[in-house]
């Protein structure tokens, strides 16, 4: 349970970081972007990136 919580925190931070980068590229304020919209865009785009094999 604790591991899933930290995973969600990391994913949230990663999405926010991507939103900040996108806002900077378009000259917008990051807080003006929708988190839900960003998650939906990433959900649509990530399958095209392919699976990342585990390291090890």
N, C-alpha and C. Protein backbone atom coordinates (compact mmCIF):
# COMPACT_ATOMS: atom_id res chain seq x y z
N UNK A 1 0.81 -1.19 0.00
CA UNK A 1 0.00 0.00 0.00
C UNK A 1 0.86 1.27 0.00
N UNK A 2 1.89 1.27 0.84
CA UNK A 2 2.77 2.43 0.91
C UNK A 2 3.51 2.64 -0.40
N UNK A 3 3.91 1.55 -1.03
CA UNK A 3 4.63 1.64 -2.30
C UNK A 3 3.74 2.27 -3.38
N UNK A 4 2.48 1.91 -3.42
CA UNK A 4 1.56 2.49 -4.40
C UNK A 4 1.37 3.98 -4.16
N UNK A 5 1.32 4.38 -2.91
CA UNK A 5 1.18 5.79 -2.57
C UNK A 5 2.37 6.58 -3.11
N UNK A 6 3.58 6.09 -2.89
CA UNK A 6 4.77 6.79 -3.38
C UNK A 6 4.82 6.78 -4.90
N UNK A 7 4.34 5.71 -5.51
CA UNK A 7 4.30 5.67 -6.98
C UNK A 7 3.36 6.74 -7.51
N UNK A 8 2.21 6.91 -6.88
CA UNK A 8 1.27 7.96 -7.29
C UNK A 8 1.87 9.35 -7.12
N UNK A 9 2.59 9.56 -6.03
CA UNK A 9 3.25 10.85 -5.82
C UNK A 9 4.28 11.13 -6.92
N UNK A 10 5.04 10.10 -7.28
CA UNK A 10 6.04 10.27 -8.33
C UNK A 10 5.40 10.56 -9.68
N UNK A 11 4.32 9.88 -9.99
CA UNK A 11 3.62 10.11 -11.25
C UNK A 11 3.03 11.51 -11.27
N UNK A 12 2.45 11.93 -10.16
CA UNK A 12 1.90 13.28 -10.08
C UNK A 12 2.99 14.31 -10.32
N UNK A 13 4.14 14.14 -9.69
CA UNK A 13 5.25 15.08 -9.87
C UNK A 13 5.74 15.08 -11.31
N UNK A 14 5.79 13.90 -11.94
CA UNK A 14 6.24 13.82 -13.33
C UNK A 14 5.27 14.53 -14.27
N UNK A 15 3.97 14.34 -14.05
CA UNK A 15 2.97 15.01 -14.89
C UNK A 15 3.07 16.52 -14.71
N UNK A 16 3.20 16.98 -13.48
CA UNK A 16 3.33 18.41 -13.23
C UNK A 16 4.59 18.98 -13.88
N UNK A 17 5.67 18.22 -13.85
CA UNK A 17 6.91 18.66 -14.49
C UNK A 17 6.71 18.80 -16.01
N UNK A 18 6.07 17.82 -16.61
CA UNK A 18 5.79 17.90 -18.05
C UNK A 18 4.87 19.07 -18.37
N UNK A 19 3.91 19.33 -17.49
CA UNK A 19 3.02 20.48 -17.70
C UNK A 19 3.80 21.79 -17.63
N UNK A 20 4.74 21.88 -16.71
CA UNK A 20 5.56 23.08 -16.58
C UNK A 20 6.40 23.30 -17.82
N UNK A 21 6.98 22.21 -18.34
CA UNK A 21 7.77 22.31 -19.57
C UNK A 21 6.91 22.74 -20.75
N UNK A 22 5.72 22.16 -20.86
CA UNK A 22 4.82 22.50 -21.96
C UNK A 22 4.38 23.97 -21.86
N UNK A 23 4.11 24.42 -20.67
CA UNK A 23 3.69 25.81 -20.48
C UNK A 23 4.81 26.76 -20.86
N UNK A 24 6.03 26.42 -20.49
CA UNK A 24 7.17 27.28 -20.81
C UNK A 24 7.37 27.38 -22.33
N UNK A 25 7.15 26.28 -23.04
CA UNK A 25 7.33 26.27 -24.49
C UNK A 25 6.26 27.09 -25.20
N UNK A 26 5.09 27.21 -24.60
CA UNK A 26 4.00 27.94 -25.24
C UNK A 26 3.78 29.32 -24.65
N UNK A 27 4.57 29.68 -23.64
CA UNK A 27 4.44 31.00 -23.03
C UNK A 27 3.25 31.14 -22.11
N UNK A 28 2.72 30.03 -21.64
CA UNK A 28 1.58 30.05 -20.72
C UNK A 28 2.07 29.86 -19.29
N UNK A 29 1.18 30.14 -18.36
CA UNK A 29 1.46 29.83 -16.96
C UNK A 29 1.07 28.38 -16.71
N UNK A 30 1.91 27.65 -16.01
CA UNK A 30 1.64 26.23 -15.75
C UNK A 30 0.33 26.02 -14.99
N UNK A 31 0.00 26.94 -14.10
CA UNK A 31 -1.23 26.78 -13.31
C UNK A 31 -2.49 26.98 -14.14
N UNK A 32 -2.33 27.50 -15.37
CA UNK A 32 -3.49 27.66 -16.25
C UNK A 32 -3.82 26.38 -17.01
N UNK A 33 -2.93 25.39 -16.96
CA UNK A 33 -3.16 24.13 -17.66
C UNK A 33 -3.96 23.18 -16.77
N UNK A 34 -4.72 22.30 -17.40
CA UNK A 34 -5.55 21.34 -16.68
C UNK A 34 -4.77 20.05 -16.43
N UNK A 35 -4.71 19.65 -15.16
CA UNK A 35 -4.03 18.40 -14.82
C UNK A 35 -4.75 17.21 -15.46
N UNK A 36 -6.07 17.20 -15.39
CA UNK A 36 -6.85 16.10 -15.96
C UNK A 36 -6.61 16.00 -17.46
N UNK A 37 -6.60 17.14 -18.13
CA UNK A 37 -6.34 17.13 -19.58
C UNK A 37 -4.94 16.59 -19.87
N UNK A 38 -3.97 16.99 -19.08
CA UNK A 38 -2.60 16.51 -19.27
C UNK A 38 -2.53 14.99 -19.11
N UNK A 39 -3.22 14.47 -18.12
CA UNK A 39 -3.23 13.01 -17.89
C UNK A 39 -3.87 12.31 -19.08
N UNK A 40 -4.94 12.87 -19.61
CA UNK A 40 -5.62 12.26 -20.76
C UNK A 40 -4.73 12.28 -22.00
N UNK A 41 -4.02 13.38 -22.22
CA UNK A 41 -3.10 13.47 -23.35
C UNK A 41 -1.99 12.43 -23.19
N UNK A 42 -1.41 12.35 -22.01
CA UNK A 42 -0.35 11.36 -21.78
C UNK A 42 -0.86 9.93 -21.96
N UNK A 43 -2.07 9.68 -21.50
CA UNK A 43 -2.65 8.35 -21.64
C UNK A 43 -2.80 7.96 -23.11
N UNK A 44 -3.17 8.93 -23.94
CA UNK A 44 -3.30 8.67 -25.37
C UNK A 44 -1.94 8.50 -26.04
N UNK A 45 -0.94 9.25 -25.58
CA UNK A 45 0.36 9.27 -26.24
C UNK A 45 1.31 8.17 -25.78
N UNK A 46 1.22 7.76 -24.54
CA UNK A 46 2.20 6.81 -24.00
C UNK A 46 2.17 5.43 -24.67
N UNK A 47 1.02 4.86 -25.04
CA UNK A 47 1.08 3.57 -25.73
C UNK A 47 1.90 3.61 -27.00
N UNK A 48 1.94 4.76 -27.67
CA UNK A 48 2.73 4.89 -28.91
C UNK A 48 4.22 4.86 -28.63
N UNK A 49 4.61 5.19 -27.39
CA UNK A 49 6.03 5.20 -27.04
C UNK A 49 6.57 3.78 -26.87
N UNK A 50 5.72 2.81 -26.67
CA UNK A 50 6.15 1.43 -26.48
C UNK A 50 6.47 1.13 -25.04
N UNK A 51 6.62 -0.12 -24.75
CA UNK A 51 6.92 -0.54 -23.39
C UNK A 51 8.39 -0.33 -23.07
N UNK A 52 8.65 0.00 -21.83
CA UNK A 52 10.02 0.16 -21.36
C UNK A 52 10.39 -1.12 -20.61
N UNK A 53 11.38 -1.86 -21.10
CA UNK A 53 11.73 -3.12 -20.41
C UNK A 53 12.35 -2.84 -19.04
N UNK A 54 12.13 -3.70 -18.08
CA UNK A 54 12.72 -3.50 -16.76
C UNK A 54 14.24 -3.65 -16.83
N UNK A 55 14.92 -2.86 -16.02
CA UNK A 55 16.38 -2.98 -15.99
C UNK A 55 16.74 -4.13 -15.05
N UNK A 56 17.88 -4.71 -15.32
CA UNK A 56 18.22 -5.71 -14.35
C UNK A 56 19.06 -6.78 -14.83
